Amino acid sequence: MSCCNHSHGVASGCCGTAENDSEITPEQWAEVHAIIARHKETPGALITVLREAQGVVGYFPIELLDCIAEGMNIPASDVFGVVSFYSLFSLNPKGRHTIKVCTGTACYVKGIREVINRIASEYGIREGETTEDRRFDLEGVRCLGACGLAPVMVVGEDTHGAVSADRVLELLKKYT
């Protein structure tokens, strides 16, 4: 049983608007409903449901928050409060690849600011933003634990050392 008692694309309600107005696919909605059904009767399962739902959709559009709230029988304000409190949850769409650039002292003095500026100018994003095509997120982090490789950038699970403004765009080409 879905949290909304309707199928997506047919009716609107707690799970958002008609299918063609939502970025969430019918398959994703089905997975979300299954997640809710698995955990609905488990006290304190909201964070588990949120983690699993974000794994399916990638972020929390309002219609997803409303669906989870109704499905778990929790006030929508409580669900929003949890999502907005924890940094592991996102209310905004995320890119397929997260670029983490170290802004710590070693990387800063070795030119990471120029690398960040090059990424920003090429892809039209600043730190904390996602490209329009959702290819990349750009995050500045205090330390990546690889100071000997400074300046350092991590894309997904790949660590790149001695990154320069001249080299960074070539490195990013392989991430589609």
C-alpha atoms as a PDB file:
ATOM      1  CA  MET A   1       0.000   0.000   0.000  1.00  0.00           C
ATOM      2  CA  SER A   2       1.338   3.434  -0.865  1.00  0.00           C
ATOM      3  CA  CYS A   3       1.366   6.266   1.621  1.00  0.00           C
ATOM      4  CA  CYS A   4      -1.002   8.201  -0.585  1.00  0.00           C
ATOM      5  CA  ASN A   5      -3.442   5.523  -1.640  1.00  0.00           C
ATOM      6  CA  HIS A   6      -3.113   6.578  -5.261  1.00  0.00           C
ATOM      7  CA  SER A   7      -0.803   5.938  -8.165  1.00  0.00           C
ATOM      8  CA  HIS A   8       1.495   8.651  -9.389  1.00  0.00           C
ATOM      9  CA  GLY A   9       0.620  10.243 -12.654  1.00  0.00           C
ATOM     10  CA  VAL A  10      -3.084   9.723 -12.017  1.00  0.00           C
ATOM     11  CA  ALA A  11      -3.812  11.909  -9.056  1.00  0.00           C
ATOM     12  CA  SER A  12      -2.113  14.510  -6.962  1.00  0.00           C
ATOM     13  CA  GLY A  13      -1.916  14.606  -3.221  1.00  0.00           C
ATOM     14  CA  CYS A  14       0.616  13.932  -0.515  1.00  0.00           C
ATOM     15  CA  CYS A  15       3.146  12.590  -2.961  1.00  0.00           C
ATOM     16  CA  GLY A  16       3.174  15.585  -5.220  1.00  0.00           C
ATOM     17  CA  THR A  17       1.686  16.532  -8.486  1.00  0.00           C
ATOM     18  CA  ALA A  18       1.006  14.486 -11.553  1.00  0.00           C
ATOM     19  CA  GLU A  19       3.909  12.391 -12.762  1.00  0.00           C
ATOM     20  CA  ASN A  20       4.747  14.721 -15.628  1.00  0.00           C
ATOM     21  CA  ASP A  21       5.134  17.645 -13.200  1.00  0.00           C
ATOM     22  CA  SER A  22       7.463  15.776 -10.839  1.00  0.00           C
ATOM     23  CA  GLU A  23      11.145  15.003 -11.224  1.00  0.00           C
ATOM     24  CA  ILE A  24      10.523  11.791  -9.314  1.00  0.00           C
ATOM     25  CA  THR A  25       9.846   8.869 -11.624  1.00  0.00           C
ATOM     26  CA  PRO A  26       7.072   6.325 -11.029  1.00  0.00           C
ATOM     27  CA  GLU A  27       9.777   3.738 -10.320  1.00  0.00           C
ATOM     28  CA  GLN A  28      11.324   5.977  -7.674  1.00  0.00           C
ATOM     29  CA  TRP A  29       7.901   6.575  -6.105  1.00  0.00           C
ATOM     30  CA  ALA A  30       7.368   2.807  -5.958  1.00  0.00           C
ATOM     31  CA  GLU A  31      10.704   2.373  -4.172  1.00  0.00           C
ATOM     32  CA  VAL A  32       9.865   5.154  -1.711  1.00  0.00           C
ATOM     33  CA  HIS A  33       6.490   3.552  -0.960  1.00  0.00           C
ATOM     34  CA  ALA A  34       8.233   0.216  -0.358  1.00  0.00           C
ATOM     35  CA  ILE A  35      10.707   1.882   2.020  1.00  0.00           C
ATOM     36  CA  ILE A  36       7.882   3.486   3.970  1.00  0.00           C
ATOM     37  CA  ALA A  37       5.943   0.225   4.111  1.00  0.00           C
ATOM     38  CA  ARG A  38       9.013  -1.625   5.468  1.00  0.00           C
ATOM     39  CA  HIS A  39       9.590   0.860   8.275  1.00  0.00           C
ATOM     40  CA  LYS A  40       6.176   2.349   8.988  1.00  0.00           C
ATOM     41  CA  GLU A  41       5.571   0.339  12.148  1.00  0.00           C
ATOM     42  CA  THR A  42       9.117   0.712  13.511  1.00  0.00           C
ATOM     43  CA  PRO A  43       9.373   3.399  16.196  1.00  0.00           C
ATOM     44  CA  GLY A  44      12.138   5.917  15.519  1.00  0.00           C
ATOM     45  CA  ALA A  45      12.650   4.820  11.913  1.00  0.00           C
ATOM     46  CA  LEU A  46      12.379   8.281  10.330  1.00  0.00           C
ATOM     47  CA  ILE A  47      16.113   8.767   9.782  1.00  0.00           C
ATOM     48  CA  THR A  48      16.386   5.299   8.242  1.00  0.00           C
ATOM     49  CA  VAL A  49      13.485   6.081   5.900  1.00  0.00           C
ATOM     50  CA  LEU A  50      15.015   9.443   4.997  1.00  0.00           C
ATOM     51  CA  ARG A  51      18.430   7.927   4.253  1.00  0.00           C
ATOM     52  CA  GLU A  52      16.925   5.217   2.070  1.00  0.00           C
ATOM     53  CA  ALA A  53      14.590   7.638   0.282  1.00  0.00           C
ATOM     54  CA  GLN A  54      17.438  10.043  -0.436  1.00  0.00           C
ATOM     55  CA  GLY A  55      19.372   7.092  -1.827  1.00  0.00           C
ATOM     56  CA  VAL A  56      16.548   6.565  -4.315  1.00  0.00           C
ATOM     57  CA  VAL A  57      15.715  10.152  -5.276  1.00  0.00           C
ATOM     58  CA  GLY A  58      18.974  11.939  -4.439  1.00  0.00           C
ATOM     59  CA  TYR A  59      17.425  14.823  -2.502  1.00  0.00           C
ATOM     60  CA  PHE A  60      14.146  15.877  -0.879  1.00  0.00           C
ATOM     61  CA  PRO A  61      11.709  17.838  -3.010  1.00  0.00           C
ATOM     62  CA  ILE A  62       8.703  18.991  -0.986  1.00  0.00           C
ATOM     63  CA  GLU A  63       6.379  16.336  -2.402  1.00  0.00           C
ATOM     64  CA  LEU A  64       8.733  13.626  -1.149  1.00  0.00           C
ATOM     65  CA  LEU A  65       8.845  15.136   2.344  1.00  0.00           C
ATOM     66  CA  ASP A  66       5.041  15.314   2.372  1.00  0.00           C
ATOM     67  CA  CYS A  67       4.740  11.700   1.244  1.00  0.00           C
ATOM     68  CA  ILE A  68       7.126  10.469   3.935  1.00  0.00           C
ATOM     69  CA  ALA A  69       5.335  12.520   6.573  1.00  0.00           C
ATOM     70  CA  GLU A  70       1.956  11.113   5.636  1.00  0.00           C
ATOM     71  CA  GLY A  71       3.249   7.587   5.167  1.00  0.00           C
ATOM     72  CA  MET A  72       5.025   7.555   8.522  1.00  0.00           C
ATOM     73  CA  ASN A  73       2.177   9.436  10.233  1.00  0.00           C
ATOM     74  CA  ILE A  74       4.562  12.178  11.355  1.00  0.00           C
ATOM     75  CA  PRO A  75       3.898  15.927  11.027  1.00  0.00           C
ATOM     76  CA  ALA A  76       5.496  17.354   7.874  1.00  0.00           C
ATOM     77  CA  SER A  77       7.162  20.042   9.992  1.00  0.00           C
ATOM     78  CA  ASP A  78       8.965  17.332  11.986  1.00  0.00           C
ATOM     79  CA  VAL A  79      10.173  15.613   8.809  1.00  0.00           C
ATOM     80  CA  PHE A  80      11.389  18.943   7.395  1.00  0.00           C
ATOM     81  CA  GLY A  81      13.076  19.734  10.712  1.00  0.00           C
ATOM     82  CA  VAL A  82      15.075  16.504  10.625  1.00  0.00           C
ATOM     83  CA  VAL A  83      16.047  16.918   6.957  1.00  0.00           C
ATOM     84  CA  SER A  84      17.115  20.528   7.415  1.00  0.00           C
ATOM     85  CA  PHE A  85      19.042  19.791  10.640  1.00  0.00           C
ATOM     86  CA  TYR A  86      21.296  16.958   9.457  1.00  0.00           C
ATOM     87  CA  SER A  87      23.943  17.797   6.863  1.00  0.00           C
ATOM     88  CA  LEU A  88      23.726  14.335   5.331  1.00  0.00           C
ATOM     89  CA  PHE A  89      20.305  15.224   3.895  1.00  0.00           C
ATOM     90  CA  SER A  90      19.775  17.600   0.993  1.00  0.00           C
ATOM     91  CA  LEU A  91      16.784  19.709   0.034  1.00  0.00           C
ATOM     92  CA  ASN A  92      18.438  20.535  -3.295  1.00  0.00           C
ATOM     93  CA  PRO A  93      19.261  18.297  -6.245  1.00  0.00           C
ATOM     94  CA  LYS A  94      22.794  16.962  -6.160  1.00  0.00           C
ATOM     95  CA  GLY A  95      25.229  16.367  -8.977  1.00  0.00           C
ATOM     96  CA  ARG A  96      26.309  12.952 -10.198  1.00  0.00           C
ATOM     97  CA  HIS A  97      29.856  13.755  -9.087  1.00  0.00           C
ATOM     98  CA  THR A  98      30.888  15.725  -6.014  1.00  0.00           C
ATOM     99  CA  ILE A  99      34.069  17.749  -6.371  1.00  0.00           C
ATOM    100  CA  LYS A 100      35.649  18.359  -2.970  1.00  0.00           C
ATOM    101  CA  VAL A 101      38.428  20.901  -3.008  1.00  0.00           C
ATOM    102  CA  CYS A 102      40.657  21.278   0.019  1.00  0.00           C
ATOM    103  CA  THR A 103      40.765  24.845   1.305  1.00  0.00           C
ATOM    104  CA  GLY A 104      43.175  24.081   4.148  1.00  0.00           C
ATOM    105  CA  THR A 105      46.421  25.983   4.600  1.00  0.00           C
ATOM    106  CA  ALA A 106      48.709  23.677   2.584  1.00  0.00           C
ATOM    107  CA  CYS A 107      46.331  23.608  -0.383  1.00  0.00           C
ATOM    108  CA  TYR A 108      45.559  27.307  -0.129  1.00  0.00           C
ATOM    109  CA  VAL A 109      49.202  28.388  -0.315  1.00  0.00           C
ATOM    110  CA  LYS A 110      49.778  26.014  -3.241  1.00  0.00           C
ATOM    111  CA  GLY A 111      47.001  27.527  -5.370  1.00  0.00           C
ATOM    112  CA  ILE A 112      43.678  25.815  -4.670  1.00  0.00           C
ATOM    113  CA  ARG A 113      41.855  29.167  -4.961  1.00  0.00           C
ATOM    114  CA  GLU A 114      42.875  29.372  -8.647  1.00  0.00           C
ATOM    115  CA  VAL A 115      41.618  25.805  -9.156  1.00  0.00           C
ATOM    116  CA  ILE A 116      38.273  26.685  -7.566  1.00  0.00           C
ATOM    117  CA  ASN A 117      38.017  29.829  -9.702  1.00  0.00           C
ATOM    118  CA  ARG A 118      38.718  27.814 -12.858  1.00  0.00           C
ATOM    119  CA  ILE A 119      36.008  25.262 -11.991  1.00  0.00           C
ATOM    120  CA  ALA A 120      33.607  28.082 -11.128  1.00  0.00           C
ATOM    121  CA  SER A 121      34.162  29.930 -14.389  1.00  0.00           C
ATOM    122  CA  GLU A 122      34.005  26.797 -16.565  1.00  0.00           C
ATOM    123  CA  TYR A 123      30.916  25.246 -14.992  1.00  0.00           C
ATOM    124  CA  GLY A 124      29.110  28.336 -13.716  1.00  0.00           C
ATOM    125  CA  ILE A 125      28.999  27.241 -10.071  1.00  0.00           C
ATOM    126  CA  ARG A 126      30.380  28.416  -6.768  1.00  0.00           C
ATOM    127  CA  GLU A 127      31.198  26.377  -3.689  1.00  0.00           C
ATOM    128  CA  GLY A 128      28.032  24.753  -2.364  1.00  0.00           C
ATOM    129  CA  GLU A 129      26.300  24.745  -5.764  1.00  0.00           C
ATOM    130  CA  THR A 130      25.381  22.170  -8.392  1.00  0.00           C
ATOM    131  CA  THR A 131      25.752  22.554 -12.149  1.00  0.00           C
ATOM    132  CA  GLU A 132      22.502  23.031 -14.062  1.00  0.00           C
ATOM    133  CA  ASP A 133      22.924  19.645 -15.750  1.00  0.00           C
ATOM    134  CA  ARG A 134      23.556  18.052 -12.320  1.00  0.00           C
ATOM    135  CA  ARG A 135      26.917  16.777 -13.442  1.00  0.00           C
ATOM    136  CA  PHE A 136      28.907  18.289 -10.558  1.00  0.00           C
ATOM    137  CA  ASP A 137      28.572  19.595  -7.014  1.00  0.00           C
ATOM    138  CA  LEU A 138      31.400  21.810  -5.805  1.00  0.00           C
ATOM    139  CA  GLU A 139      32.299  21.688  -2.113  1.00  0.00           C
ATOM    140  CA  GLY A 140      35.095  23.396  -0.271  1.00  0.00           C
ATOM    141  CA  VAL A 141      36.349  21.341   2.680  1.00  0.00           C
ATOM    142  CA  ARG A 142      38.867  22.252   5.382  1.00  0.00           C
ATOM    143  CA  CYS A 143      41.121  19.228   4.946  1.00  0.00           C
ATOM    144  CA  LEU A 144      41.147  16.055   2.878  1.00  0.00           C
ATOM    145  CA  GLY A 145      44.030  14.497   4.804  1.00  0.00           C
ATOM    146  CA  ALA A 146      46.448  14.517   1.885  1.00  0.00           C
ATOM    147  CA  CYS A 147      48.507  17.642   2.577  1.00  0.00           C
ATOM    148  CA  GLY A 148      51.604  16.129   0.956  1.00  0.00           C
ATOM    149  CA  LEU A 149      49.732  16.103  -2.366  1.00  0.00           C
ATOM    150  CA  ALA A 150      48.596  19.741  -2.131  1.00  0.00           C
ATOM    151  CA  PRO A 151      46.642  21.199  -3.728  1.00  0.00           C
ATOM    152  CA  VAL A 152      44.173  18.332  -3.499  1.00  0.00           C
ATOM    153  CA  MET A 153      40.780  17.665  -5.038  1.00  0.00           C
ATOM    154  CA  VAL A 154      38.572  14.597  -4.590  1.00  0.00           C
ATOM    155  CA  VAL A 155      35.942  13.670  -7.172  1.00  0.00           C
ATOM    156  CA  GLY A 156      33.712  10.895  -5.895  1.00  0.00           C
ATOM    157  CA  GLU A 157      36.217   8.334  -4.594  1.00  0.00           C
ATOM    158  CA  ASP A 158      39.158   9.573  -6.707  1.00  0.00           C
ATOM    159  CA  THR A 159      41.846  11.713  -5.089  1.00  0.00           C
ATOM    160  CA  HIS A 160      43.800  14.057  -7.361  1.00  0.00           C
ATOM    161  CA  GLY A 161      46.982  15.670  -6.083  1.00  0.00           C
ATOM    162  CA  ALA A 162      49.080  18.562  -7.367  1.00  0.00           C
ATOM    163  CA  VAL A 163      45.990  19.917  -9.123  1.00  0.00           C
ATOM    164  CA  SER A 164      46.496  23.150 -11.012  1.00  0.00           C
ATOM    165  CA  ALA A 165      44.132  25.599 -12.661  1.00  0.00           C
ATOM    166  CA  ASP A 166      45.631  24.546 -15.998  1.00  0.00           C
ATOM    167  CA  ARG A 167      45.078  20.831 -15.365  1.00  0.00           C
ATOM    168  CA  VAL A 168      41.754  20.720 -13.514  1.00  0.00           C
ATOM    169  CA  LEU A 169      39.432  20.847 -16.532  1.00  0.00           C
ATOM    170  CA  GLU A 170      41.270  17.956 -18.176  1.00  0.00           C
ATOM    171  CA  LEU A 171      40.908  15.926 -14.962  1.00  0.00           C
ATOM    172  CA  LEU A 172      37.167  16.598 -14.835  1.00  0.00           C
ATOM    173  CA  LYS A 173      36.518  15.511 -18.450  1.00  0.00           C
ATOM    174  CA  LYS A 174      36.373  11.836 -17.471  1.00  0.00           C
ATOM    175  CA  TYR A 175      33.423  12.419 -15.127  1.00  0.00           C
ATOM    176  CA  THR A 176      30.304  12.435 -17.290  1.00  0.00           C
END
